[in-house]
C-alpha cells in the first residue's frame, strides 16, 4: 500500500514545475523566441532575393515558426507550474491573451507552491 502511494506521489511530481525551474524555462523561452525570430527574419530576406516559388513559400512559412513554438512551449510550462500552485492547468490558455498572458507568466514566476499536507 505504501509503495503504491510513493509511486503515485512520484508520478504526480513529474507533472509539476517549481518556481526555479519555471523561471529558467521562461528564460530559455525568451532566448528561443529571439533566435527563431532572427531565423525567420533571415528567411524573409532570402525570400526577397529568391524568385523561385518553392523557396519563397518555405521562407514565408518560417514566419509562423516563432509564434507557434513560443505558444506551445509557454503553454506546457505554464500548465505544469499551475499544477504545482494547485490551480487548474486549463488557466494556461491565458497565454493567448496578449497583455494579460504576459502578466500571468510573470506572476507564476513568484507564486507559492500549494502544500498538500493534511493534518
Foldseek 3Di string as FASTA:
>chain_A
DVVVVVVVVVVLLVLADDLVRLVVLVVVLVVVLVVLVVVLVVLCVVLVPDDDPVSVVVSVVSVVVSVVVSLVSQLSSQLRLCVQQVHHSVCSVLCPVPPSNVVVSVVSSPRDGDDPDDD
